[in-house]
């Protein structure tokens, strides 16, 4: 149980770190970072690929 929540936390932290870097790299300045991070959260979350698990 602890391993799943730790890996989910690491995935979320990496996604939050990489999102602004990718926006800058591909020169997508018209998209705010917050909007891109929400989209990344949807993609890695339950509505998308379900990569991270929700703790209850």
PDB file of N, CA and C in Angstrom:
ATOM      1  N   UNK A   1       0.828  -1.197   0.000  1.00  0.00           N
ATOM      2  CA  UNK A   1       0.000   0.000   0.000  1.00  0.00           C
ATOM      3  C   UNK A   1       0.870   1.257   0.000  1.00  0.00           C
ATOM      4  N   UNK A   2       1.927   1.251   0.803  1.00  0.00           N
ATOM      5  CA  UNK A   2       2.791   2.422   0.878  1.00  0.00           C
ATOM      6  C   UNK A   2       3.543   2.628  -0.435  1.00  0.00           C
ATOM      7  N   UNK A   3       3.897   1.524  -1.106  1.00  0.00           N
ATOM      8  CA  UNK A   3       4.628   1.623  -2.360  1.00  0.00           C
ATOM      9  C   UNK A   3       3.781   2.288  -3.442  1.00  0.00           C
ATOM     10  N   UNK A   4       2.503   1.974  -3.493  1.00  0.00           N
ATOM     11  CA  UNK A   4       1.619   2.550  -4.506  1.00  0.00           C
ATOM     12  C   UNK A   4       1.442   4.047  -4.295  1.00  0.00           C
ATOM     13  N   UNK A   5       1.274   4.468  -3.047  1.00  0.00           N
ATOM     14  CA  UNK A   5       1.083   5.892  -2.801  1.00  0.00           C
ATOM     15  C   UNK A   5       2.379   6.665  -3.020  1.00  0.00           C
ATOM     16  N   UNK A   6       3.528   6.051  -2.726  1.00  0.00           N
ATOM     17  CA  UNK A   6       4.805   6.718  -2.952  1.00  0.00           C
ATOM     18  C   UNK A   6       5.082   6.864  -4.444  1.00  0.00           C
ATOM     19  N   UNK A   7       4.808   5.834  -5.211  1.00  0.00           N
ATOM     20  CA  UNK A   7       5.035   5.928  -6.652  1.00  0.00           C
ATOM     21  C   UNK A   7       4.072   6.924  -7.298  1.00  0.00           C
ATOM     22  N   UNK A   8       2.843   6.984  -6.814  1.00  0.00           N
ATOM     23  CA  UNK A   8       1.890   7.972  -7.327  1.00  0.00           C
ATOM     24  C   UNK A   8       2.355   9.390  -7.021  1.00  0.00           C
ATOM     25  N   UNK A   9       2.884   9.587  -5.817  1.00  0.00           N
ATOM     26  CA  UNK A   9       3.391  10.901  -5.433  1.00  0.00           C
ATOM     27  C   UNK A   9       4.564  11.309  -6.311  1.00  0.00           C
ATOM     28  N   UNK A  10       5.458  10.384  -6.579  1.00  0.00           N
ATOM     29  CA  UNK A  10       6.614  10.678  -7.432  1.00  0.00           C
ATOM     30  C   UNK A  10       6.162  11.020  -8.849  1.00  0.00           C
ATOM     31  N   UNK A  11       5.188  10.313  -9.367  1.00  0.00           N
ATOM     32  CA  UNK A  11       4.678  10.586 -10.716  1.00  0.00           C
ATOM     33  C   UNK A  11       4.060  11.977 -10.788  1.00  0.00           C
ATOM     34  N   UNK A  12       3.302  12.355  -9.775  1.00  0.00           N
ATOM     35  CA  UNK A  12       2.672  13.680  -9.753  1.00  0.00           C
ATOM     36  C   UNK A  12       3.731  14.774  -9.652  1.00  0.00           C
ATOM     37  N   UNK A  13       4.748  14.575  -8.827  1.00  0.00           N
ATOM     38  CA  UNK A  13       5.814  15.575  -8.682  1.00  0.00           C
ATOM     39  C   UNK A  13       6.589  15.725  -9.987  1.00  0.00           C
ATOM     40  N   UNK A  14       6.896  14.622 -10.641  1.00  0.00           N
ATOM     41  CA  UNK A  14       7.620  14.680 -11.916  1.00  0.00           C
ATOM     42  C   UNK A  14       6.779  15.382 -12.982  1.00  0.00           C
ATOM     43  N   UNK A  15       5.497  15.085 -13.026  1.00  0.00           N
ATOM     44  CA  UNK A  15       4.620  15.747 -13.998  1.00  0.00           C
ATOM     45  C   UNK A  15       4.532  17.245 -13.730  1.00  0.00           C
ATOM     46  N   UNK A  16       4.449  17.623 -12.454  1.00  0.00           N
ATOM     47  CA  UNK A  16       4.383  19.046 -12.111  1.00  0.00           C
ATOM     48  C   UNK A  16       5.694  19.757 -12.430  1.00  0.00           C
ATOM     49  N   UNK A  17       6.809  19.046 -12.353  1.00  0.00           N
ATOM     50  CA  UNK A  17       8.106  19.640 -12.666  1.00  0.00           C
ATOM     51  C   UNK A  17       8.328  19.740 -14.176  1.00  0.00           C
ATOM     52  N   UNK A  18       7.918  18.721 -14.908  1.00  0.00           N
ATOM     53  CA  UNK A  18       8.182  18.685 -16.347  1.00  0.00           C
ATOM     54  C   UNK A  18       7.230  19.537 -17.179  1.00  0.00           C
ATOM     55  N   UNK A  19       6.030  19.770 -16.696  1.00  0.00           N
ATOM     56  CA  UNK A  19       5.044  20.518 -17.478  1.00  0.00           C
ATOM     57  C   UNK A  19       5.529  21.916 -17.861  1.00  0.00           C
ATOM     58  N   UNK A  20       6.020  22.748 -16.927  1.00  0.00           N
ATOM     59  CA  UNK A  20       6.515  24.068 -17.345  1.00  0.00           C
ATOM     60  C   UNK A  20       7.738  23.984 -18.253  1.00  0.00           C
ATOM     61  N   UNK A  21       8.591  22.982 -18.032  1.00  0.00           N
ATOM     62  CA  UNK A  21       9.765  22.832 -18.890  1.00  0.00           C
ATOM     63  C   UNK A  21       9.368  22.487 -20.323  1.00  0.00           C
ATOM     64  N   UNK A  22       8.389  21.613 -20.470  1.00  0.00           N
ATOM     65  CA  UNK A  22       7.924  21.252 -21.811  1.00  0.00           C
ATOM     66  C   UNK A  22       7.229  22.418 -22.505  1.00  0.00           C
ATOM     67  N   UNK A  23       6.477  23.205 -21.745  1.00  0.00           N
ATOM     68  CA  UNK A  23       5.834  24.383 -22.337  1.00  0.00           C
ATOM     69  C   UNK A  23       6.876  25.362 -22.854  1.00  0.00           C
ATOM     70  N   UNK A  24       7.929  25.558 -22.082  1.00  0.00           N
ATOM     71  CA  UNK A  24       8.987  26.476 -22.501  1.00  0.00           C
ATOM     72  C   UNK A  24       9.767  25.898 -23.689  1.00  0.00           C
ATOM     73  N   UNK A  25      10.015  24.607 -23.658  1.00  0.00           N
ATOM     74  CA  UNK A  25      10.790  23.959 -24.717  1.00  0.00           C
ATOM     75  C   UNK A  25      10.081  24.042 -26.067  1.00  0.00           C
ATOM     76  N   UNK A  26       8.784  23.825 -26.072  1.00  0.00           N
ATOM     77  CA  UNK A  26       8.023  23.852 -27.315  1.00  0.00           C
ATOM     78  C   UNK A  26       7.408  25.217 -27.601  1.00  0.00           C
ATOM     79  N   UNK A  27       7.800  26.219 -26.829  1.00  0.00           N
ATOM     80  CA  UNK A  27       7.382  27.614 -27.024  1.00  0.00           C
ATOM     81  C   UNK A  27       5.860  27.763 -27.066  1.00  0.00           C
ATOM     82  N   UNK A  28       5.194  27.141 -26.114  1.00  0.00           N
ATOM     83  CA  UNK A  28       3.737  27.226 -26.011  1.00  0.00           C
ATOM     84  C   UNK A  28       3.372  28.244 -24.931  1.00  0.00           C
ATOM     85  N   UNK A  29       3.698  29.490 -25.167  1.00  0.00           N
ATOM     86  CA  UNK A  29       3.487  30.536 -24.165  1.00  0.00           C
ATOM     87  C   UNK A  29       2.040  31.000 -24.084  1.00  0.00           C
ATOM     88  N   UNK A  30       1.220  30.617 -25.058  1.00  0.00           N
ATOM     89  CA  UNK A  30      -0.177  31.043 -25.007  1.00  0.00           C
ATOM     90  C   UNK A  30      -0.993  30.191 -24.040  1.00  0.00           C
ATOM     91  N   UNK A  31      -0.432  29.046 -23.606  1.00  0.00           N
ATOM     92  CA  UNK A  31      -1.113  28.191 -22.632  1.00  0.00           C
ATOM     93  C   UNK A  31      -0.537  28.488 -21.249  1.00  0.00           C
ATOM     94  N   UNK A  32      -1.359  28.923 -20.296  1.00  0.00           N
ATOM     95  CA  UNK A  32      -0.846  29.148 -18.940  1.00  0.00           C
ATOM     96  C   UNK A  32      -0.373  27.834 -18.313  1.00  0.00           C
ATOM     97  N   UNK A  33       0.633  27.926 -17.453  1.00  0.00           N
ATOM     98  CA  UNK A  33       1.206  26.740 -16.819  1.00  0.00           C
ATOM     99  C   UNK A  33       0.157  26.006 -15.995  1.00  0.00           C
ATOM    100  N   UNK A  34      -0.706  26.748 -15.330  1.00  0.00           N
ATOM    101  CA  UNK A  34      -1.730  26.118 -14.488  1.00  0.00           C
ATOM    102  C   UNK A  34      -2.673  25.269 -15.333  1.00  0.00           C
ATOM    103  N   UNK A  35      -3.056  25.774 -16.481  1.00  0.00           N
ATOM    104  CA  UNK A  35      -3.949  25.026 -17.367  1.00  0.00           C
ATOM    105  C   UNK A  35      -3.249  23.765 -17.875  1.00  0.00           C
ATOM    106  N   UNK A  36      -1.986  23.884 -18.228  1.00  0.00           N
ATOM    107  CA  UNK A  36      -1.237  22.718 -18.702  1.00  0.00           C
ATOM    108  C   UNK A  36      -1.069  21.681 -17.597  1.00  0.00           C
ATOM    109  N   UNK A  37      -0.874  22.127 -16.353  1.00  0.00           N
ATOM    110  CA  UNK A  37      -0.747  21.180 -15.245  1.00  0.00           C
ATOM    111  C   UNK A  37      -2.075  20.487 -14.951  1.00  0.00           C
ATOM    112  N   UNK A  38      -3.180  21.190 -15.105  1.00  0.00           N
ATOM    113  CA  UNK A  38      -4.491  20.557 -14.934  1.00  0.00           C
ATOM    114  C   UNK A  38      -4.706  19.507 -16.021  1.00  0.00           C
ATOM    115  N   UNK A  39      -4.338  19.830 -17.252  1.00  0.00           N
ATOM    116  CA  UNK A  39      -4.462  18.861 -18.348  1.00  0.00           C
ATOM    117  C   UNK A  39      -3.570  17.649 -18.098  1.00  0.00           C
ATOM    118  N   UNK A  40      -2.352  17.881 -17.615  1.00  0.00           N
ATOM    119  CA  UNK A  40      -1.459  16.762 -17.291  1.00  0.00           C
ATOM    120  C   UNK A  40      -2.048  15.905 -16.181  1.00  0.00           C
ATOM    121  N   UNK A  41      -2.688  16.536 -15.201  1.00  0.00           N
ATOM    122  CA  UNK A  41      -3.333  15.787 -14.128  1.00  0.00           C
ATOM    123  C   UNK A  41      -4.489  14.947 -14.622  1.00  0.00           C
ATOM    124  N   UNK A  42      -5.230  15.477 -15.563  1.00  0.00           N
ATOM    125  CA  UNK A  42      -6.332  14.706 -16.144  1.00  0.00           C
ATOM    126  C   UNK A  42      -5.784  13.513 -16.924  1.00  0.00           C
ATOM    127  N   UNK A  43      -4.694  13.730 -17.635  1.00  0.00           N
ATOM    128  CA  UNK A  43      -4.111  12.649 -18.437  1.00  0.00           C
ATOM    129  C   UNK A  43      -3.568  11.526 -17.556  1.00  0.00           C
ATOM    130  N   UNK A  44      -2.861  11.873 -16.476  1.00  0.00           N
ATOM    131  CA  UNK A  44      -2.279  10.820 -15.636  1.00  0.00           C
ATOM    132  C   UNK A  44      -3.250  10.316 -14.584  1.00  0.00           C
ATOM    133  N   UNK A  45      -4.379  10.958 -14.436  1.00  0.00           N
ATOM    134  CA  UNK A  45      -5.349  10.581 -13.408  1.00  0.00           C
ATOM    135  C   UNK A  45      -6.362   9.565 -13.879  1.00  0.00           C
ATOM    136  N   UNK A  46      -7.421   9.456 -13.102  1.00  0.00           N
ATOM    137  CA  UNK A  46      -8.451   8.447 -13.342  1.00  0.00           C
ATOM    138  C   UNK A  46      -9.191   8.667 -14.666  1.00  0.00           C
ATOM    139  N   UNK A  47      -9.352   9.915 -15.078  1.00  0.00           N
ATOM    140  CA  UNK A  47     -10.071  10.202 -16.318  1.00  0.00           C
ATOM    141  C   UNK A  47      -9.245   9.880 -17.558  1.00  0.00           C
ATOM    142  N   UNK A  48      -7.926   9.795 -17.400  1.00  0.00           N
ATOM    143  CA  UNK A  48      -7.055   9.512 -18.536  1.00  0.00           C
ATOM    144  C   UNK A  48      -6.535   8.093 -18.519  1.00  0.00           C
ATOM    145  N   UNK A  49      -5.220   7.971 -18.367  1.00  0.00           N
ATOM    146  CA  UNK A  49      -4.579   6.662 -18.412  1.00  0.00           C
ATOM    147  C   UNK A  49      -4.563   5.945 -17.067  1.00  0.00           C
ATOM    148  N   UNK A  50      -5.066   6.580 -16.018  1.00  0.00           N
ATOM    149  CA  UNK A  50      -5.149   5.988 -14.676  1.00  0.00           C
ATOM    150  C   UNK A  50      -3.784   5.499 -14.193  1.00  0.00           C
ATOM    151  N   UNK A  51      -2.767   6.346 -14.366  1.00  0.00           N
ATOM    152  CA  UNK A  51      -1.407   5.998 -13.955  1.00  0.00           C
ATOM    153  C   UNK A  51      -1.262   6.096 -12.446  1.00  0.00           C
ATOM    154  N   UNK A  52      -1.833   7.122 -11.854  1.00  0.00           N
ATOM    155  CA  UNK A  52      -1.742   7.292 -10.403  1.00  0.00           C
ATOM    156  C   UNK A  52      -2.987   6.709  -9.749  1.00  0.00           C
ATOM    157  N   UNK A  53      -2.792   6.194  -8.537  1.00  0.00           N
ATOM    158  CA  UNK A  53      -3.896   5.599  -7.799  1.00  0.00           C
ATOM    159  C   UNK A  53      -4.360   6.553  -6.708  1.00  0.00           C
ATOM    160  N   UNK A  54      -5.648   6.573  -6.471  1.00  0.00           N
ATOM    161  CA  UNK A  54      -6.227   7.441  -5.454  1.00  0.00           C
ATOM    162  C   UNK A  54      -6.245   6.709  -4.122  1.00  0.00           C
ATOM    163  N   UNK A  55      -5.687   7.357  -3.087  1.00  0.00           N
ATOM    164  CA  UNK A  55      -5.734   6.787  -1.737  1.00  0.00           C
ATOM    165  C   UNK A  55      -7.044   7.156  -1.083  1.00  0.00           C
ATOM    166  N   UNK A  56      -7.596   6.250  -0.335  1.00  0.00           N
ATOM    167  CA  UNK A  56      -8.844   6.514   0.373  1.00  0.00           C
ATOM    168  C   UNK A  56      -8.587   6.672   1.835  1.00  0.00           C
TER     169      UNK A  56
END
